[in-house]
Amino acid sequence: MSDEPEFDERVRAAEKLLPAWFVPRMMTDEWHFALVLTNGSLLHVMGIDDVHVSVDGLWLDVRLAEEVPTWMERSLPGDNICAPTSRTRASVNARHVMVALETCDG
């Protein structure tokens, strides 16, 4: 979580673009989340860095998880996607996100 005014402003702006619980939560906390995509894949992320408006929709800049939580590999169907390298930044078109959920318990 950041106390920087610029970061707080980005969170407020993102909330206006995507008024869902997961946007401010995922922008202010480093945690294990999954985005269920329209093709059924689970994209494992640690957080959202920013939300952008583009001519083709809203884009989420995310930090990919480096590994899939073990229980998820056994419990949920579908492809589990995490960072294939140590570089964890990615952008996701929000129109392909059907569900956002937390994948670990404190």
N, C-alpha and C. Protein backbone atom coordinates (compact mmCIF):
# COMPACT_ATOMS: atom_id res chain seq x y z
N MET A 1 0.85 -1.17 0.00
CA MET A 1 0.00 0.00 0.00
C MET A 1 0.89 1.23 0.00
N SER A 2 0.50 2.24 -0.75
CA SER A 2 1.34 3.41 -0.89
C SER A 2 0.66 4.65 -0.33
N ASP A 3 1.47 5.53 0.24
CA ASP A 3 0.94 6.80 0.75
C ASP A 3 1.20 7.93 -0.24
N GLU A 4 1.71 7.60 -1.42
CA GLU A 4 2.02 8.62 -2.41
C GLU A 4 0.73 9.21 -2.98
N PRO A 5 0.61 10.57 -3.02
CA PRO A 5 -0.60 11.20 -3.57
C PRO A 5 -0.88 10.78 -5.01
N GLU A 6 0.17 10.63 -5.83
CA GLU A 6 -0.03 10.24 -7.24
C GLU A 6 -0.66 8.85 -7.32
N PHE A 7 -0.18 7.92 -6.47
CA PHE A 7 -0.75 6.57 -6.47
C PHE A 7 -2.20 6.60 -6.03
N ASP A 8 -2.50 7.34 -4.97
CA ASP A 8 -3.88 7.46 -4.50
C ASP A 8 -4.79 8.00 -5.59
N GLU A 9 -4.30 8.96 -6.36
CA GLU A 9 -5.09 9.54 -7.46
C GLU A 9 -5.34 8.49 -8.55
N ARG A 10 -4.33 7.64 -8.84
CA ARG A 10 -4.52 6.58 -9.83
C ARG A 10 -5.58 5.58 -9.37
N VAL A 11 -5.59 5.28 -8.08
CA VAL A 11 -6.60 4.35 -7.55
C VAL A 11 -7.99 4.96 -7.69
N ARG A 12 -8.13 6.24 -7.33
CA ARG A 12 -9.43 6.91 -7.47
C ARG A 12 -9.88 6.96 -8.93
N ALA A 13 -8.98 7.24 -9.84
CA ALA A 13 -9.32 7.27 -11.26
C ALA A 13 -9.71 5.88 -11.76
N ALA A 14 -9.01 4.86 -11.31
CA ALA A 14 -9.33 3.49 -11.71
C ALA A 14 -10.70 3.06 -11.20
N GLU A 15 -11.04 3.48 -10.00
CA GLU A 15 -12.36 3.14 -9.43
C GLU A 15 -13.49 3.71 -10.28
N LYS A 16 -13.25 4.85 -10.91
CA LYS A 16 -14.28 5.45 -11.77
C LYS A 16 -14.43 4.67 -13.07
N LEU A 17 -13.33 4.09 -13.55
CA LEU A 17 -13.37 3.34 -14.80
C LEU A 17 -13.93 1.93 -14.60
N LEU A 18 -13.57 1.30 -13.51
CA LEU A 18 -14.02 -0.05 -13.18
C LEU A 18 -14.50 -0.07 -11.74
N PRO A 19 -15.75 0.27 -11.51
CA PRO A 19 -16.25 0.38 -10.13
C PRO A 19 -16.57 -0.98 -9.51
N ALA A 20 -15.56 -1.82 -9.40
CA ALA A 20 -15.74 -3.14 -8.80
C ALA A 20 -14.83 -3.23 -7.58
N TRP A 21 -15.18 -4.09 -6.65
CA TRP A 21 -14.42 -4.21 -5.41
C TRP A 21 -12.95 -4.51 -5.66
N PHE A 22 -12.65 -5.28 -6.72
CA PHE A 22 -11.29 -5.77 -6.88
C PHE A 22 -10.29 -4.71 -7.33
N VAL A 23 -10.76 -3.65 -7.96
CA VAL A 23 -9.79 -2.66 -8.48
C VAL A 23 -9.05 -1.95 -7.34
N PRO A 24 -9.74 -1.28 -6.40
CA PRO A 24 -8.96 -0.66 -5.32
C PRO A 24 -8.25 -1.69 -4.45
N ARG A 25 -8.85 -2.84 -4.22
CA ARG A 25 -8.22 -3.88 -3.40
C ARG A 25 -6.93 -4.36 -4.05
N MET A 26 -6.99 -4.63 -5.36
CA MET A 26 -5.81 -5.16 -6.04
C MET A 26 -4.77 -4.10 -6.35
N MET A 27 -5.16 -2.82 -6.27
CA MET A 27 -4.18 -1.75 -6.50
C MET A 27 -3.48 -1.33 -5.21
N THR A 28 -4.02 -1.71 -4.06
CA THR A 28 -3.44 -1.26 -2.79
C THR A 28 -2.88 -2.40 -1.96
N ASP A 29 -2.91 -3.61 -2.46
CA ASP A 29 -2.42 -4.74 -1.69
C ASP A 29 -1.65 -5.69 -2.58
N GLU A 30 -0.61 -6.28 -2.07
CA GLU A 30 0.17 -7.31 -2.75
C GLU A 30 -0.35 -8.64 -2.21
N TRP A 31 -1.02 -9.41 -3.05
CA TRP A 31 -1.70 -10.61 -2.60
C TRP A 31 -1.86 -11.56 -3.77
N HIS A 32 -2.34 -12.74 -3.51
CA HIS A 32 -2.60 -13.72 -4.58
C HIS A 32 -4.05 -13.57 -5.05
N PHE A 33 -4.20 -13.19 -6.32
CA PHE A 33 -5.51 -13.04 -6.95
C PHE A 33 -5.51 -13.85 -8.24
N ALA A 34 -6.69 -14.12 -8.74
CA ALA A 34 -6.81 -14.73 -10.07
C ALA A 34 -7.88 -13.98 -10.84
N LEU A 35 -7.64 -13.78 -12.11
CA LEU A 35 -8.62 -13.23 -13.02
C LEU A 35 -9.06 -14.38 -13.92
N VAL A 36 -10.35 -14.70 -13.89
CA VAL A 36 -10.87 -15.75 -14.75
C VAL A 36 -11.19 -15.09 -16.09
N LEU A 37 -10.54 -15.56 -17.13
CA LEU A 37 -10.69 -14.96 -18.44
C LEU A 37 -11.82 -15.62 -19.23
N THR A 38 -12.25 -14.96 -20.28
CA THR A 38 -13.39 -15.45 -21.06
C THR A 38 -13.13 -16.82 -21.69
N ASN A 39 -11.87 -17.21 -21.85
CA ASN A 39 -11.56 -18.53 -22.41
C ASN A 39 -11.47 -19.60 -21.32
N GLY A 40 -11.73 -19.22 -20.07
CA GLY A 40 -11.69 -20.17 -18.96
C GLY A 40 -10.36 -20.25 -18.24
N SER A 41 -9.33 -19.59 -18.76
CA SER A 41 -8.03 -19.61 -18.10
C SER A 41 -8.06 -18.77 -16.83
N LEU A 42 -7.20 -19.14 -15.89
CA LEU A 42 -7.03 -18.35 -14.67
C LEU A 42 -5.69 -17.64 -14.75
N LEU A 43 -5.73 -16.32 -14.78
CA LEU A 43 -4.51 -15.52 -14.81
C LEU A 43 -4.19 -15.14 -13.38
N HIS A 44 -3.07 -15.63 -12.86
CA HIS A 44 -2.69 -15.40 -11.47
C HIS A 44 -1.86 -14.13 -11.37
N VAL A 45 -2.36 -13.19 -10.57
CA VAL A 45 -1.70 -11.90 -10.42
C VAL A 45 -1.50 -11.57 -8.95
N MET A 46 -0.53 -10.71 -8.71
CA MET A 46 -0.24 -10.23 -7.36
C MET A 46 -0.84 -8.86 -7.12
N GLY A 47 -1.26 -8.17 -8.17
CA GLY A 47 -1.88 -6.86 -8.02
C GLY A 47 -2.02 -6.14 -9.35
N ILE A 48 -2.74 -5.04 -9.29
CA ILE A 48 -2.93 -4.16 -10.44
C ILE A 48 -2.10 -2.90 -10.19
N ASP A 49 -1.30 -2.49 -11.17
CA ASP A 49 -0.52 -1.27 -11.05
C ASP A 49 -1.27 -0.05 -11.58
N ASP A 50 -2.06 -0.25 -12.64
CA ASP A 50 -2.75 0.89 -13.23
C ASP A 50 -3.85 0.40 -14.15
N VAL A 51 -4.77 1.31 -14.49
CA VAL A 51 -5.85 1.04 -15.43
C VAL A 51 -5.80 2.13 -16.49
N HIS A 52 -5.86 1.73 -17.76
CA HIS A 52 -5.75 2.68 -18.87
C HIS A 52 -6.95 2.56 -19.79
N VAL A 53 -7.33 3.69 -20.39
CA VAL A 53 -8.37 3.71 -21.41
C VAL A 53 -7.67 3.73 -22.77
N SER A 54 -8.14 2.85 -23.66
CA SER A 54 -7.58 2.76 -25.00
C SER A 54 -8.74 2.73 -25.99
N VAL A 55 -8.46 2.87 -27.26
CA VAL A 55 -9.52 2.81 -28.26
C VAL A 55 -10.21 1.45 -28.28
N ASP A 56 -9.53 0.42 -27.80
CA ASP A 56 -10.13 -0.92 -27.78
C ASP A 56 -10.56 -1.36 -26.38
N GLY A 57 -10.76 -0.42 -25.48
CA GLY A 57 -11.28 -0.76 -24.16
C GLY A 57 -10.37 -0.36 -23.02
N LEU A 58 -10.66 -0.95 -21.86
CA LEU A 58 -9.88 -0.69 -20.66
C LEU A 58 -8.80 -1.76 -20.52
N TRP A 59 -7.63 -1.33 -20.13
CA TRP A 59 -6.51 -2.24 -19.94
C TRP A 59 -6.04 -2.19 -18.49
N LEU A 60 -5.75 -3.35 -17.93
CA LEU A 60 -5.21 -3.46 -16.58
C LEU A 60 -3.72 -3.79 -16.68
N ASP A 61 -2.87 -2.96 -16.07
CA ASP A 61 -1.46 -3.29 -15.95
C ASP A 61 -1.32 -4.08 -14.66
N VAL A 62 -0.88 -5.33 -14.76
CA VAL A 62 -0.84 -6.22 -13.61
C VAL A 62 0.57 -6.73 -13.35
N ARG A 63 0.76 -7.22 -12.12
CA ARG A 63 1.97 -7.95 -11.76
C ARG A 63 1.57 -9.43 -11.66
N LEU A 64 2.11 -10.24 -12.55
CA LEU A 64 1.79 -11.66 -12.56
C LEU A 64 2.41 -12.37 -11.36
N ALA A 65 1.72 -13.38 -10.86
CA ALA A 65 2.29 -14.23 -9.81
C ALA A 65 3.40 -15.07 -10.44
N GLU A 66 4.41 -15.38 -9.64
CA GLU A 66 5.51 -16.19 -10.15
C GLU A 66 5.19 -17.68 -10.13
N GLU A 67 4.17 -18.04 -9.35
CA GLU A 67 3.74 -19.44 -9.32
C GLU A 67 2.27 -19.51 -8.97
N VAL A 68 1.66 -20.61 -9.32
CA VAL A 68 0.25 -20.84 -9.03
C VAL A 68 0.14 -21.48 -7.65
N PRO A 69 -0.76 -20.98 -6.79
CA PRO A 69 -0.94 -21.65 -5.50
C PRO A 69 -1.26 -23.13 -5.71
N THR A 70 -0.60 -24.00 -4.97
CA THR A 70 -0.71 -25.44 -5.16
C THR A 70 -2.15 -25.94 -5.14
N TRP A 71 -2.95 -25.45 -4.21
CA TRP A 71 -4.33 -25.94 -4.11
C TRP A 71 -5.12 -25.63 -5.37
N MET A 72 -4.78 -24.52 -6.05
CA MET A 72 -5.53 -24.14 -7.25
C MET A 72 -5.26 -25.09 -8.39
N GLU A 73 -4.06 -25.58 -8.50
CA GLU A 73 -3.73 -26.52 -9.58
C GLU A 73 -4.59 -27.78 -9.47
N ARG A 74 -4.91 -28.16 -8.24
CA ARG A 74 -5.69 -29.39 -8.02
C ARG A 74 -7.19 -29.14 -8.00
N SER A 75 -7.61 -27.93 -7.65
CA SER A 75 -9.02 -27.68 -7.35
C SER A 75 -9.85 -27.09 -8.48
N LEU A 76 -9.28 -26.23 -9.28
CA LEU A 76 -10.07 -25.53 -10.28
C LEU A 76 -9.68 -25.96 -11.68
N PRO A 77 -10.67 -26.16 -12.54
CA PRO A 77 -10.37 -26.55 -13.92
C PRO A 77 -9.85 -25.35 -14.70
N GLY A 78 -9.26 -25.63 -15.83
CA GLY A 78 -8.79 -24.56 -16.71
C GLY A 78 -7.29 -24.39 -16.64
N ASP A 79 -6.78 -23.64 -17.59
CA ASP A 79 -5.35 -23.37 -17.64
C ASP A 79 -5.00 -22.33 -16.57
N ASN A 80 -3.92 -22.58 -15.85
CA ASN A 80 -3.42 -21.64 -14.86
C ASN A 80 -2.23 -20.91 -15.47
N ILE A 81 -2.33 -19.59 -15.55
CA ILE A 81 -1.28 -18.79 -16.17
C ILE A 81 -0.60 -17.96 -15.10
N CYS A 82 0.73 -18.04 -15.06
CA CYS A 82 1.53 -17.19 -14.18
C CYS A 82 2.72 -16.69 -15.00
N ALA A 83 3.59 -15.92 -14.39
CA ALA A 83 4.72 -15.35 -15.11
C ALA A 83 5.65 -16.47 -15.60
N PRO A 84 5.95 -16.51 -16.90
CA PRO A 84 6.84 -17.54 -17.41
C PRO A 84 8.31 -17.25 -17.15
N THR A 85 8.62 -16.01 -16.76
CA THR A 85 9.99 -15.61 -16.47
C THR A 85 9.98 -14.78 -15.19
N SER A 86 11.13 -14.23 -14.83
CA SER A 86 11.19 -13.37 -13.64
C SER A 86 10.59 -11.99 -13.90
N ARG A 87 10.27 -11.70 -15.13
CA ARG A 87 9.61 -10.43 -15.47
C ARG A 87 8.11 -10.64 -15.35
N THR A 88 7.50 -9.91 -14.43
CA THR A 88 6.12 -10.23 -14.06
C THR A 88 5.08 -9.21 -14.54
N ARG A 89 5.49 -8.22 -15.28
CA ARG A 89 4.51 -7.21 -15.73
C ARG A 89 3.77 -7.69 -16.97
N ALA A 90 2.46 -7.37 -16.99
CA ALA A 90 1.63 -7.73 -18.14
C ALA A 90 0.47 -6.75 -18.22
N SER A 91 -0.17 -6.69 -19.37
CA SER A 91 -1.37 -5.88 -19.57
C SER A 91 -2.48 -6.80 -20.04
N VAL A 92 -3.68 -6.59 -19.49
CA VAL A 92 -4.84 -7.44 -19.80
C VAL A 92 -5.99 -6.54 -20.22
N ASN A 93 -6.63 -6.86 -21.33
CA ASN A 93 -7.81 -6.11 -21.74
C ASN A 93 -8.95 -6.52 -20.81
N ALA A 94 -9.55 -5.57 -20.12
CA ALA A 94 -10.57 -5.85 -19.10
C ALA A 94 -11.79 -6.56 -19.69
N ARG A 95 -12.03 -6.42 -20.98
CA ARG A 95 -13.21 -7.09 -21.57
C ARG A 95 -13.07 -8.60 -21.52
N HIS A 96 -11.86 -9.11 -21.30
CA HIS A 96 -11.64 -10.55 -21.24
C HIS A 96 -11.68 -11.10 -19.82
N VAL A 97 -11.94 -10.23 -18.84
CA VAL A 97 -12.02 -10.67 -17.44
C VAL A 97 -13.47 -10.88 -17.05
N MET A 98 -13.79 -12.11 -16.66
CA MET A 98 -15.16 -12.44 -16.24
C MET A 98 -15.31 -12.41 -14.73
N VAL A 99 -14.27 -12.83 -14.00
CA VAL A 99 -14.33 -12.95 -12.55
C VAL A 99 -12.97 -12.58 -11.97
N ALA A 100 -12.98 -11.90 -10.84
CA ALA A 100 -11.75 -11.66 -10.07
C ALA A 100 -11.95 -12.26 -8.69
N LEU A 101 -10.94 -12.97 -8.19
CA LEU A 101 -11.07 -13.56 -6.87
C LEU A 101 -9.73 -13.65 -6.17
N GLU A 102 -9.79 -13.73 -4.84
CA GLU A 102 -8.58 -13.93 -4.06
C GLU A 102 -8.33 -15.43 -4.01
N THR A 103 -7.05 -15.82 -4.13
CA THR A 103 -6.74 -17.24 -4.20
C THR A 103 -5.99 -17.77 -2.98
N CYS A 104 -5.69 -16.92 -2.03
CA CYS A 104 -5.03 -17.36 -0.80
C CYS A 104 -5.72 -16.74 0.40
N ASP A 105 -5.60 -17.41 1.50
CA ASP A 105 -6.16 -16.91 2.75
C ASP A 105 -5.03 -16.47 3.65
N GLY A 106 -5.24 -15.36 4.37
CA GLY A 106 -4.25 -14.77 5.23
C GLY A 106 -3.62 -15.68 6.18
